[in-house]
Amino acid sequence: MKVRYPSQAGTFYHASASDLEDQIQGCFLHRLGPGRTPQEGVRRPRSIVAALAPHAGYMYSGPTAAHLYLELAEEEKPETVIILGPNHTGLGSAVSTEAEGAWRTPLGDVQIDSDSAKRVVAASQIIDVDDSAHRYEHSIEVQLPFLQFIYGEFKFVPICMMMQDLETSREIGQAIAEAASGRSCLVIASSDLTHHESQASANRKDRMVIDAALAMDEGKLQAVVERNRISMCGYGPVSTAIVAARLMGAGTARLLSYKTSGDITGDTSYVVGYASMVFSKQ
């Protein structure tokens, strides 16, 4: 079986299984996290069809991400998770997925849902099967240990977006919704918000992005990012998730947490913004 080995273990998150589990639990219990860990028991029927999660190192964005993963843990596990991330490395195709094998983390292997990946590729004219785009990319990888922590075993489809324009985002969102038809599918857009500005500037710019996402308006989100030169790395994945969510029946969006690296470190002169959000059926 083809295995994609972790590129960020020991940097973005701890490299040993026991240390990583402790680190994730610490994100839930952090003063900026939800304050509790997921509990065993009966889960609610799924209403969340898509979500936004940050992807910085766990010491910075983990508590914000934990708000999302607690919400997901309290609903039934989906059949597959489609994770959309931006391409930070510049490697590979403009939009790419992997269609076989597994991704390894310190917590074990996560199987790629080959059938769903092939369905997404067949529904779009612009998604390639290209392993090289994923080899060193962190935006998708860092979501997997959180998902393993709440779900145990699950299947997923990685989609890496170098091309993030509105037309591309809409086409991929429609392809995901078509591939997910009749299936229990969760879409996660992996993105951080404003990069390397003051806390005041990041808060102002990020509020515009969050408001557009809460309105579930991908056109407005992209216009806000372009007009205000917002350094949000995954505006395409978030736009795509909004399109897919709407087509999959979502009618409401809810912000779970917004923080910056400055809220963690105390240095508000040079921050990165993080948000977690869900898009749910009414």
C-alpha atoms as a PDB file:
ATOM      1  CA  MET A   1       0.000   0.000   0.000  1.00  0.00           C
ATOM      2  CA  LYS A   2       1.252   3.468  -0.884  1.00  0.00           C
ATOM      3  CA  VAL A   3       1.865   5.579   2.234  1.00  0.00           C
ATOM      4  CA  ARG A   4       2.391   9.317   2.502  1.00  0.00           C
ATOM      5  CA  TYR A   5       4.647   9.880   5.513  1.00  0.00           C
ATOM      6  CA  PRO A   6       4.153  12.907   7.777  1.00  0.00           C
ATOM      7  CA  SER A   7       6.180  15.987   6.888  1.00  0.00           C
ATOM      8  CA  GLN A   8       5.218  18.072   9.925  1.00  0.00           C
ATOM      9  CA  ALA A   9       5.514  15.661  12.865  1.00  0.00           C
ATOM     10  CA  GLY A  10       7.942  17.203  15.321  1.00  0.00           C
ATOM     11  CA  THR A  11       7.347  20.725  14.000  1.00  0.00           C
ATOM     12  CA  PHE A  12       3.658  21.668  13.742  1.00  0.00           C
ATOM     13  CA  TYR A  13       2.734  18.953  16.250  1.00  0.00           C
ATOM     14  CA  HIS A  14       4.500  16.406  18.470  1.00  0.00           C
ATOM     15  CA  ALA A  15       6.125  13.404  16.824  1.00  0.00           C
ATOM     16  CA  SER A  16       5.313  10.641  19.311  1.00  0.00           C
ATOM     17  CA  ALA A  17       1.813   9.209  19.711  1.00  0.00           C
ATOM     18  CA  SER A  18       1.640   9.717  23.469  1.00  0.00           C
ATOM     19  CA  ASP A  19       2.981  13.271  23.332  1.00  0.00           C
ATOM     20  CA  LEU A  20       0.647  14.111  20.460  1.00  0.00           C
ATOM     21  CA  GLU A  21      -2.421  12.806  22.276  1.00  0.00           C
ATOM     22  CA  ASP A  22      -1.438  14.874  25.312  1.00  0.00           C
ATOM     23  CA  GLN A  23      -0.901  17.903  23.085  1.00  0.00           C
ATOM     24  CA  ILE A  24      -4.322  17.574  21.466  1.00  0.00           C
ATOM     25  CA  GLN A  25      -5.991  17.079  24.825  1.00  0.00           C
ATOM     26  CA  GLY A  26      -4.186  20.200  25.997  1.00  0.00           C
ATOM     27  CA  CYS A  27      -5.678  22.155  23.091  1.00  0.00           C
ATOM     28  CA  PHE A  28      -9.185  21.241  24.262  1.00  0.00           C
ATOM     29  CA  LEU A  29      -8.389  22.197  27.868  1.00  0.00           C
ATOM     30  CA  HIS A  30      -6.409  25.356  27.041  1.00  0.00           C
ATOM     31  CA  ARG A  31      -7.705  28.677  28.414  1.00  0.00           C
ATOM     32  CA  LEU A  32      -8.586  29.654  24.818  1.00  0.00           C
ATOM     33  CA  GLY A  33      -9.995  26.228  23.934  1.00  0.00           C
ATOM     34  CA  PRO A  34     -13.491  24.872  24.630  1.00  0.00           C
ATOM     35  CA  GLY A  35     -12.484  23.853  28.156  1.00  0.00           C
ATOM     36  CA  ARG A  36     -13.416  20.187  27.914  1.00  0.00           C
ATOM     37  CA  THR A  37     -12.530  17.120  25.896  1.00  0.00           C
ATOM     38  CA  PRO A  38     -14.935  15.040  23.769  1.00  0.00           C
ATOM     39  CA  GLN A  39     -16.917  12.572  25.831  1.00  0.00           C
ATOM     40  CA  GLU A  40     -17.803   9.006  24.941  1.00  0.00           C
ATOM     41  CA  GLY A  41     -21.483   8.358  24.381  1.00  0.00           C
ATOM     42  CA  VAL A  42     -24.364   8.693  21.952  1.00  0.00           C
ATOM     43  CA  ARG A  43     -23.691  11.239  19.238  1.00  0.00           C
ATOM     44  CA  ARG A  44     -26.259  13.580  17.731  1.00  0.00           C
ATOM     45  CA  PRO A  45     -27.358  13.056  14.115  1.00  0.00           C
ATOM     46  CA  ARG A  46     -25.091  14.993  11.785  1.00  0.00           C
ATOM     47  CA  SER A  47     -26.114  18.522  10.858  1.00  0.00           C
ATOM     48  CA  ILE A  48     -22.660  19.967  10.118  1.00  0.00           C
ATOM     49  CA  VAL A  49     -21.771  19.493   6.459  1.00  0.00           C
ATOM     50  CA  ALA A  50     -18.737  21.778   6.201  1.00  0.00           C
ATOM     51  CA  ALA A  51     -16.310  23.618   8.439  1.00  0.00           C
ATOM     52  CA  LEU A  52     -13.366  26.007   8.608  1.00  0.00           C
ATOM     53  CA  ALA A  53     -10.293  24.994  10.636  1.00  0.00           C
ATOM     54  CA  PRO A  54      -6.938  26.764  11.110  1.00  0.00           C
ATOM     55  CA  HIS A  55      -3.678  25.007  10.304  1.00  0.00           C
ATOM     56  CA  ALA A  56      -0.796  26.627  12.171  1.00  0.00           C
ATOM     57  CA  GLY A  57       1.325  24.811  14.725  1.00  0.00           C
ATOM     58  CA  TYR A  58      -0.821  23.357  17.470  1.00  0.00           C
ATOM     59  CA  MET A  59       0.750  25.637  20.102  1.00  0.00           C
ATOM     60  CA  TYR A  60      -0.672  28.626  18.198  1.00  0.00           C
ATOM     61  CA  SER A  61      -3.936  27.533  16.531  1.00  0.00           C
ATOM     62  CA  GLY A  62      -4.714  24.268  18.328  1.00  0.00           C
ATOM     63  CA  PRO A  63      -7.097  25.781  20.920  1.00  0.00           C
ATOM     64  CA  THR A  64      -9.105  27.495  18.164  1.00  0.00           C
ATOM     65  CA  ALA A  65      -9.223  24.262  16.148  1.00  0.00           C
ATOM     66  CA  ALA A  66     -10.344  22.342  19.249  1.00  0.00           C
ATOM     67  CA  HIS A  67     -13.609  24.308  19.327  1.00  0.00           C
ATOM     68  CA  LEU A  68     -14.443  22.843  15.914  1.00  0.00           C
ATOM     69  CA  TYR A  69     -13.350  19.317  16.734  1.00  0.00           C
ATOM     70  CA  LEU A  70     -15.433  19.256  19.899  1.00  0.00           C
ATOM     71  CA  GLU A  71     -18.510  20.158  17.817  1.00  0.00           C
ATOM     72  CA  LEU A  72     -17.700  17.436  15.296  1.00  0.00           C
ATOM     73  CA  ALA A  73     -17.066  14.880  18.055  1.00  0.00           C
ATOM     74  CA  GLU A  74     -20.575  15.380  19.385  1.00  0.00           C
ATOM     75  CA  GLU A  75     -22.163  14.453  16.041  1.00  0.00           C
ATOM     76  CA  GLU A  76     -22.174  11.122  14.204  1.00  0.00           C
ATOM     77  CA  LYS A  77     -19.026  10.272  12.284  1.00  0.00           C
ATOM     78  CA  PRO A  78     -19.320  10.884   8.516  1.00  0.00           C
ATOM     79  CA  GLU A  79     -18.535   8.209   5.960  1.00  0.00           C
ATOM     80  CA  THR A  80     -15.756  10.357   4.521  1.00  0.00           C
ATOM     81  CA  VAL A  81     -14.043  13.676   5.207  1.00  0.00           C
ATOM     82  CA  ILE A  82     -12.961  15.877   2.304  1.00  0.00           C
ATOM     83  CA  ILE A  83     -10.183  18.235   3.399  1.00  0.00           C
ATOM     84  CA  LEU A  84      -9.403  21.273   1.257  1.00  0.00           C
ATOM     85  CA  GLY A  85      -6.126  23.109   1.782  1.00  0.00           C
ATOM     86  CA  PRO A  86      -4.090  25.790   0.006  1.00  0.00           C
ATOM     87  CA  ASN A  87      -0.831  24.901  -1.694  1.00  0.00           C
ATOM     88  CA  HIS A  88       1.994  26.635   0.195  1.00  0.00           C
ATOM     89  CA  THR A  89       4.839  24.769  -1.514  1.00  0.00           C
ATOM     90  CA  GLY A  90       4.178  25.548  -5.187  1.00  0.00           C
ATOM     91  CA  LEU A  91       4.637  21.874  -6.078  1.00  0.00           C
ATOM     92  CA  GLY A  92       2.331  19.829  -8.268  1.00  0.00           C
ATOM     93  CA  SER A  93      -0.827  20.549 -10.189  1.00  0.00           C
ATOM     94  CA  ALA A  94      -3.007  23.617  -9.778  1.00  0.00           C
ATOM     95  CA  VAL A  95      -5.707  21.541  -8.048  1.00  0.00           C
ATOM     96  CA  SER A  96      -4.849  18.029  -6.980  1.00  0.00           C
ATOM     97  CA  THR A  97      -5.996  15.053  -4.984  1.00  0.00           C
ATOM     98  CA  GLU A  98      -4.708  11.583  -4.171  1.00  0.00           C
ATOM     99  CA  ALA A  99      -6.823   8.580  -5.081  1.00  0.00           C
ATOM    100  CA  GLU A 100      -5.215   5.663  -3.254  1.00  0.00           C
ATOM    101  CA  GLY A 101      -3.149   4.656  -0.263  1.00  0.00           C
ATOM    102  CA  ALA A 102      -2.948   6.186   3.195  1.00  0.00           C
ATOM    103  CA  TRP A 103      -1.461   9.119   5.072  1.00  0.00           C
ATOM    104  CA  ARG A 104       0.536   8.277   8.180  1.00  0.00           C
ATOM    105  CA  THR A 105       0.600  10.330  11.386  1.00  0.00           C
ATOM    106  CA  PRO A 106       2.046   9.423  14.790  1.00  0.00           C
ATOM    107  CA  LEU A 107      -1.467   8.188  15.669  1.00  0.00           C
ATOM    108  CA  GLY A 108      -1.608   5.700  12.785  1.00  0.00           C
ATOM    109  CA  ASP A 109      -2.632   5.503   9.135  1.00  0.00           C
ATOM    110  CA  VAL A 110      -5.630   7.286   7.610  1.00  0.00           C
ATOM    111  CA  GLN A 111      -7.010   5.622   4.501  1.00  0.00           C
ATOM    112  CA  ILE A 112      -7.838   7.638   1.413  1.00  0.00           C
ATOM    113  CA  ASP A 113     -11.412   7.104   0.244  1.00  0.00           C
ATOM    114  CA  SER A 114     -10.515   6.080  -3.291  1.00  0.00           C
ATOM    115  CA  ASP A 115     -14.086   5.860  -4.509  1.00  0.00           C
ATOM    116  CA  SER A 116     -14.981   9.354  -3.316  1.00  0.00           C
ATOM    117  CA  ALA A 117     -11.727  10.804  -4.671  1.00  0.00           C
ATOM    118  CA  LYS A 118     -12.417   9.321  -8.100  1.00  0.00           C
ATOM    119  CA  ARG A 119     -15.981  10.623  -8.005  1.00  0.00           C
ATOM    120  CA  VAL A 120     -14.743  14.159  -7.296  1.00  0.00           C
ATOM    121  CA  VAL A 121     -12.201  13.964 -10.116  1.00  0.00           C
ATOM    122  CA  ALA A 122     -14.839  12.679 -12.537  1.00  0.00           C
ATOM    123  CA  ALA A 123     -17.198  15.530 -11.609  1.00  0.00           C
ATOM    124  CA  SER A 124     -14.603  18.237 -12.370  1.00  0.00           C
ATOM    125  CA  GLN A 125     -12.480  19.226 -15.333  1.00  0.00           C
ATOM    126  CA  ILE A 126      -9.688  20.774 -13.263  1.00  0.00           C
ATOM    127  CA  ILE A 127      -8.775  18.336 -10.465  1.00  0.00           C
ATOM    128  CA  ASP A 128      -5.741  16.154 -11.138  1.00  0.00           C
ATOM    129  CA  VAL A 129      -4.461  13.117  -9.269  1.00  0.00           C
ATOM    130  CA  ASP A 130      -0.996  14.332  -8.263  1.00  0.00           C
ATOM    131  CA  ASP A 131       0.885  13.125  -5.189  1.00  0.00           C
ATOM    132  CA  SER A 132       3.649  15.724  -5.460  1.00  0.00           C
ATOM    133  CA  ALA A 133       1.395  18.615  -4.451  1.00  0.00           C
ATOM    134  CA  HIS A 134       0.734  16.889  -1.120  1.00  0.00           C
ATOM    135  CA  ARG A 135       4.199  15.617  -0.253  1.00  0.00           C
ATOM    136  CA  TYR A 136       5.328  18.528   1.939  1.00  0.00           C
ATOM    137  CA  GLU A 137       2.088  20.490   2.323  1.00  0.00           C
ATOM    138  CA  HIS A 138       1.008  21.071   5.930  1.00  0.00           C
ATOM    139  CA  SER A 139      -2.505  22.515   5.599  1.00  0.00           C
ATOM    140  CA  ILE A 140      -4.244  19.149   5.178  1.00  0.00           C
ATOM    141  CA  GLU A 141      -1.858  17.038   7.248  1.00  0.00           C
ATOM    142  CA  VAL A 142      -2.347  18.993  10.478  1.00  0.00           C
ATOM    143  CA  GLN A 143      -6.103  18.274  10.497  1.00  0.00           C
ATOM    144  CA  LEU A 144      -5.609  14.503  10.550  1.00  0.00           C
ATOM    145  CA  PRO A 145      -4.435  13.984  14.159  1.00  0.00           C
ATOM    146  CA  PHE A 146      -7.402  15.994  15.471  1.00  0.00           C
ATOM    147  CA  LEU A 147      -9.743  13.859  13.362  1.00  0.00           C
ATOM    148  CA  GLN A 148      -8.053  10.663  14.575  1.00  0.00           C
ATOM    149  CA  PHE A 149      -8.442  11.874  18.160  1.00  0.00           C
ATOM    150  CA  ILE A 150     -12.220  12.334  17.806  1.00  0.00           C
ATOM    151  CA  TYR A 151     -13.110   9.602  15.285  1.00  0.00           C
ATOM    152  CA  GLY A 152     -10.473   6.897  15.573  1.00  0.00           C
ATOM    153  CA  GLU A 153     -10.507   5.321  12.113  1.00  0.00           C
ATOM    154  CA  PHE A 154     -12.013   7.259   9.197  1.00  0.00           C
ATOM    155  CA  LYS A 155     -11.495   7.786   5.465  1.00  0.00           C
ATOM    156  CA  PHE A 156     -10.675  11.050   3.756  1.00  0.00           C
ATOM    157  CA  VAL A 157     -10.026  12.818   0.461  1.00  0.00           C
ATOM    158  CA  PRO A 158      -7.267  15.466   0.289  1.00  0.00           C
ATOM    159  CA  ILE A 159      -7.672  18.334  -2.192  1.00  0.00           C
ATOM    160  CA  CYS A 160      -4.812  20.826  -2.478  1.00  0.00           C
ATOM    161  CA  MET A 161      -5.545  24.146  -4.198  1.00  0.00           C
ATOM    162  CA  MET A 162      -2.812  26.258  -5.751  1.00  0.00           C
ATOM    163  CA  MET A 163      -5.439  27.877  -7.985  1.00  0.00           C
ATOM    164  CA  GLN A 164      -7.968  29.606  -5.690  1.00  0.00           C
ATOM    165  CA  ASP A 165      -9.976  31.983  -7.882  1.00  0.00           C
ATOM    166  CA  LEU A 166     -13.750  32.208  -7.638  1.00  0.00           C
ATOM    167  CA  GLU A 167     -14.511  30.207 -10.790  1.00  0.00           C
ATOM    168  CA  THR A 168     -12.218  27.387  -9.674  1.00  0.00           C
ATOM    169  CA  SER A 169     -13.683  27.395  -6.173  1.00  0.00           C
ATOM    170  CA  ARG A 170     -17.220  27.185  -7.492  1.00  0.00           C
ATOM    171  CA  GLU A 171     -16.386  24.322  -9.864  1.00  0.00           C
ATOM    172  CA  ILE A 172     -14.675  22.283  -7.141  1.00  0.00           C
ATOM    173  CA  GLY A 173     -17.507  22.987  -4.688  1.00  0.00           C
ATOM    174  CA  GLN A 174     -20.041  21.745  -7.202  1.00  0.00           C
ATOM    175  CA  ALA A 175     -17.925  18.650  -7.920  1.00  0.00           C
ATOM    176  CA  ILE A 176     -17.696  17.837  -4.203  1.00  0.00           C
ATOM    177  CA  ALA A 177     -21.441  18.224  -3.741  1.00  0.00           C
ATOM    178  CA  GLU A 178     -22.080  15.956  -6.730  1.00  0.00           C
ATOM    179  CA  ALA A 179     -19.641  13.331  -5.466  1.00  0.00           C
ATOM    180  CA  ALA A 180     -21.150  13.514  -1.972  1.00  0.00           C
ATOM    181  CA  SER A 181     -24.729  13.065  -3.145  1.00  0.00           C
ATOM    182  CA  GLY A 182     -26.396  10.263  -1.214  1.00  0.00           C
ATOM    183  CA  ARG A 183     -23.427   9.929   1.134  1.00  0.00           C
ATOM    184  CA  SER A 184     -22.570  11.151   4.612  1.00  0.00           C
ATOM    185  CA  CYS A 185     -19.736  13.556   3.848  1.00  0.00           C
ATOM    186  CA  LEU A 186     -17.993  16.303   5.822  1.00  0.00           C
ATOM    187  CA  VAL A 187     -15.997  19.052   4.082  1.00  0.00           C
ATOM    188  CA  ILE A 188     -13.233  20.843   6.003  1.00  0.00           C
ATOM    189  CA  ALA A 189     -11.572  23.970   4.612  1.00  0.00           C
ATOM    190  CA  SER A 190      -8.121  24.458   6.132  1.00  0.00           C
ATOM    191  CA  SER A 191      -7.032  28.094   6.282  1.00  0.00           C
ATOM    192  CA  ASP A 192      -5.456  30.712   8.484  1.00  0.00           C
ATOM    193  CA  LEU A 193      -6.572  34.319   8.169  1.00  0.00           C
ATOM    194  CA  THR A 194      -4.481  37.525   8.178  1.00  0.00           C
ATOM    195  CA  HIS A 195      -0.722  36.924   8.346  1.00  0.00           C
ATOM    196  CA  HIS A 196       1.949  39.039  10.049  1.00  0.00           C
ATOM    197  CA  GLU A 197       0.129  42.256  10.838  1.00  0.00           C
ATOM    198  CA  SER A 198      -0.749  43.969  14.088  1.00  0.00           C
ATOM    199  CA  GLN A 199      -3.533  42.566  16.233  1.00  0.00           C
ATOM    200  CA  ALA A 200      -5.741  45.578  15.489  1.00  0.00           C
ATOM    201  CA  SER A 201      -5.238  45.263  11.734  1.00  0.00           C
ATOM    202  CA  ALA A 202      -5.780  41.495  11.774  1.00  0.00           C
ATOM    203  CA  ASN A 203      -8.941  41.810  13.851  1.00  0.00           C
ATOM    204  CA  ARG A 204     -10.381  44.386  11.435  1.00  0.00           C
ATOM    205  CA  LYS A 205      -9.547  42.467   8.271  1.00  0.00           C
ATOM    206  CA  ASP A 206     -10.488  39.076   9.663  1.00  0.00           C
ATOM    207  CA  ARG A 207     -13.889  40.388  10.756  1.00  0.00           C
ATOM    208  CA  MET A 208     -14.664  41.169   7.105  1.00  0.00           C
ATOM    209  CA  VAL A 209     -13.704  37.646   6.040  1.00  0.00           C
ATOM    210  CA  ILE A 210     -15.702  36.079   8.866  1.00  0.00           C
ATOM    211  CA  ASP A 211     -18.790  38.158   8.054  1.00  0.00           C
ATOM    212  CA  ALA A 212     -18.654  37.066   4.400  1.00  0.00           C
ATOM    213  CA  ALA A 213     -18.287  33.428   5.436  1.00  0.00           C
ATOM    214  CA  LEU A 214     -21.158  33.716   7.916  1.00  0.00           C
ATOM    215  CA  ALA A 215     -23.276  35.070   5.065  1.00  0.00           C
ATOM    216  CA  MET A 216     -22.214  31.988   3.059  1.00  0.00           C
ATOM    217  CA  ASP A 217     -21.294  34.304   0.194  1.00  0.00           C
ATOM    218  CA  GLU A 218     -18.169  33.040  -1.564  1.00  0.00           C
ATOM    219  CA  GLY A 219     -18.215  35.919  -4.049  1.00  0.00           C
ATOM    220  CA  LYS A 220     -18.219  38.485  -1.253  1.00  0.00           C
ATOM    221  CA  LEU A 221     -15.463  36.619   0.576  1.00  0.00           C
ATOM    222  CA  GLN A 222     -13.172  36.664  -2.430  1.00  0.00           C
ATOM    223  CA  ALA A 223     -13.978  40.316  -3.174  1.00  0.00           C
ATOM    224  CA  VAL A 224     -13.193  41.289   0.430  1.00  0.00           C
ATOM    225  CA  VAL A 225      -9.878  39.420   0.330  1.00  0.00           C
ATOM    226  CA  GLU A 226      -8.852  41.018  -2.967  1.00  0.00           C
ATOM    227  CA  ARG A 227     -10.089  44.540  -2.244  1.00  0.00           C
ATOM    228  CA  ASN A 228      -8.451  44.727   1.179  1.00  0.00           C
ATOM    229  CA  ARG A 229      -5.322  42.729   0.275  1.00  0.00           C
ATOM    230  CA  ILE A 230      -5.992  40.263   3.066  1.00  0.00           C
ATOM    231  CA  SER A 231      -3.217  37.686   3.396  1.00  0.00           C
ATOM    232  CA  MET A 232      -5.586  34.780   4.055  1.00  0.00           C
ATOM    233  CA  CYS A 233      -3.836  31.711   2.648  1.00  0.00           C
ATOM    234  CA  GLY A 234      -6.896  29.499   2.026  1.00  0.00           C
ATOM    235  CA  TYR A 235      -9.580  31.788   0.636  1.00  0.00           C
ATOM    236  CA  GLY A 236     -10.133  29.297  -2.212  1.00  0.00           C
ATOM    237  CA  PRO A 237     -10.705  26.290   0.060  1.00  0.00           C
ATOM    238  CA  VAL A 238     -13.106  28.323   2.219  1.00  0.00           C
ATOM    239  CA  SER A 239     -14.965  29.575  -0.864  1.00  0.00           C
ATOM    240  CA  THR A 240     -15.171  26.007  -2.138  1.00  0.00           C
ATOM    241  CA  ALA A 241     -16.487  24.746   1.200  1.00  0.00           C
ATOM    242  CA  ILE A 242     -19.200  27.421   1.208  1.00  0.00           C
ATOM    243  CA  VAL A 243     -20.357  26.392  -2.274  1.00  0.00           C
ATOM    244  CA  ALA A 244     -20.345  22.693  -1.375  1.00  0.00           C
ATOM    245  CA  ALA A 245     -22.098  23.343   1.938  1.00  0.00           C
ATOM    246  CA  ARG A 246     -24.904  25.288   0.317  1.00  0.00           C
ATOM    247  CA  LEU A 247     -25.447  22.588  -2.327  1.00  0.00           C
ATOM    248  CA  MET A 248     -25.366  19.919   0.404  1.00  0.00           C
ATOM    249  CA  GLY A 249     -28.208  21.604   2.256  1.00  0.00           C
ATOM    250  CA  ALA A 250     -26.487  23.932   4.706  1.00  0.00           C
ATOM    251  CA  GLY A 251     -28.448  27.065   5.515  1.00  0.00           C
ATOM    252  CA  THR A 252     -26.687  28.440   8.567  1.00  0.00           C
ATOM    253  CA  ALA A 253     -23.113  29.300   9.503  1.00  0.00           C
ATOM    254  CA  ARG A 254     -21.754  29.756  13.003  1.00  0.00           C
ATOM    255  CA  LEU A 255     -18.447  31.122  14.286  1.00  0.00           C
ATOM    256  CA  LEU A 256     -17.078  28.947  17.091  1.00  0.00           C
ATOM    257  CA  SER A 257     -13.833  30.737  17.904  1.00  0.00           C
ATOM    258  CA  TYR A 258     -11.623  33.535  16.606  1.00  0.00           C
ATOM    259  CA  LYS A 259      -8.197  34.202  18.058  1.00  0.00           C
ATOM    260  CA  THR A 260      -4.755  35.284  16.903  1.00  0.00           C
ATOM    261  CA  SER A 261      -1.252  34.111  17.697  1.00  0.00           C
ATOM    262  CA  GLY A 262      -1.020  37.256  19.809  1.00  0.00           C
ATOM    263  CA  ASP A 263      -3.717  35.923  22.102  1.00  0.00           C
ATOM    264  CA  ILE A 264      -1.419  32.933  22.724  1.00  0.00           C
ATOM    265  CA  THR A 265       1.979  34.625  22.965  1.00  0.00           C
ATOM    266  CA  GLY A 266       1.039  38.089  24.194  1.00  0.00           C
ATOM    267  CA  ASP A 267       2.906  39.718  21.287  1.00  0.00           C
ATOM    268  CA  THR A 268       0.208  41.651  19.413  1.00  0.00           C
ATOM    269  CA  SER A 269       2.556  43.502  17.069  1.00  0.00           C
ATOM    270  CA  TYR A 270       2.889  40.703  14.505  1.00  0.00           C
ATOM    271  CA  VAL A 271       0.112  38.105  14.506  1.00  0.00           C
ATOM    272  CA  VAL A 272      -1.691  35.468  12.446  1.00  0.00           C
ATOM    273  CA  GLY A 273      -5.475  35.106  12.677  1.00  0.00           C
ATOM    274  CA  TYR A 274      -7.283  31.814  13.284  1.00  0.00           C
ATOM    275  CA  ALA A 275     -10.976  30.936  13.130  1.00  0.00           C
ATOM    276  CA  SER A 276     -13.120  27.834  13.453  1.00  0.00           C
ATOM    277  CA  MET A 277     -16.590  27.816  11.950  1.00  0.00           C
ATOM    278  CA  VAL A 278     -19.326  25.358  10.968  1.00  0.00           C
ATOM    279  CA  PHE A 279     -21.881  25.310   8.150  1.00  0.00           C
ATOM    280  CA  SER A 280     -24.957  23.301   9.118  1.00  0.00           C
ATOM    281  CA  LYS A 281     -28.278  22.101   7.827  1.00  0.00           C
ATOM    282  CA  GLN A 282     -31.216  23.975   9.339  1.00  0.00           C
END
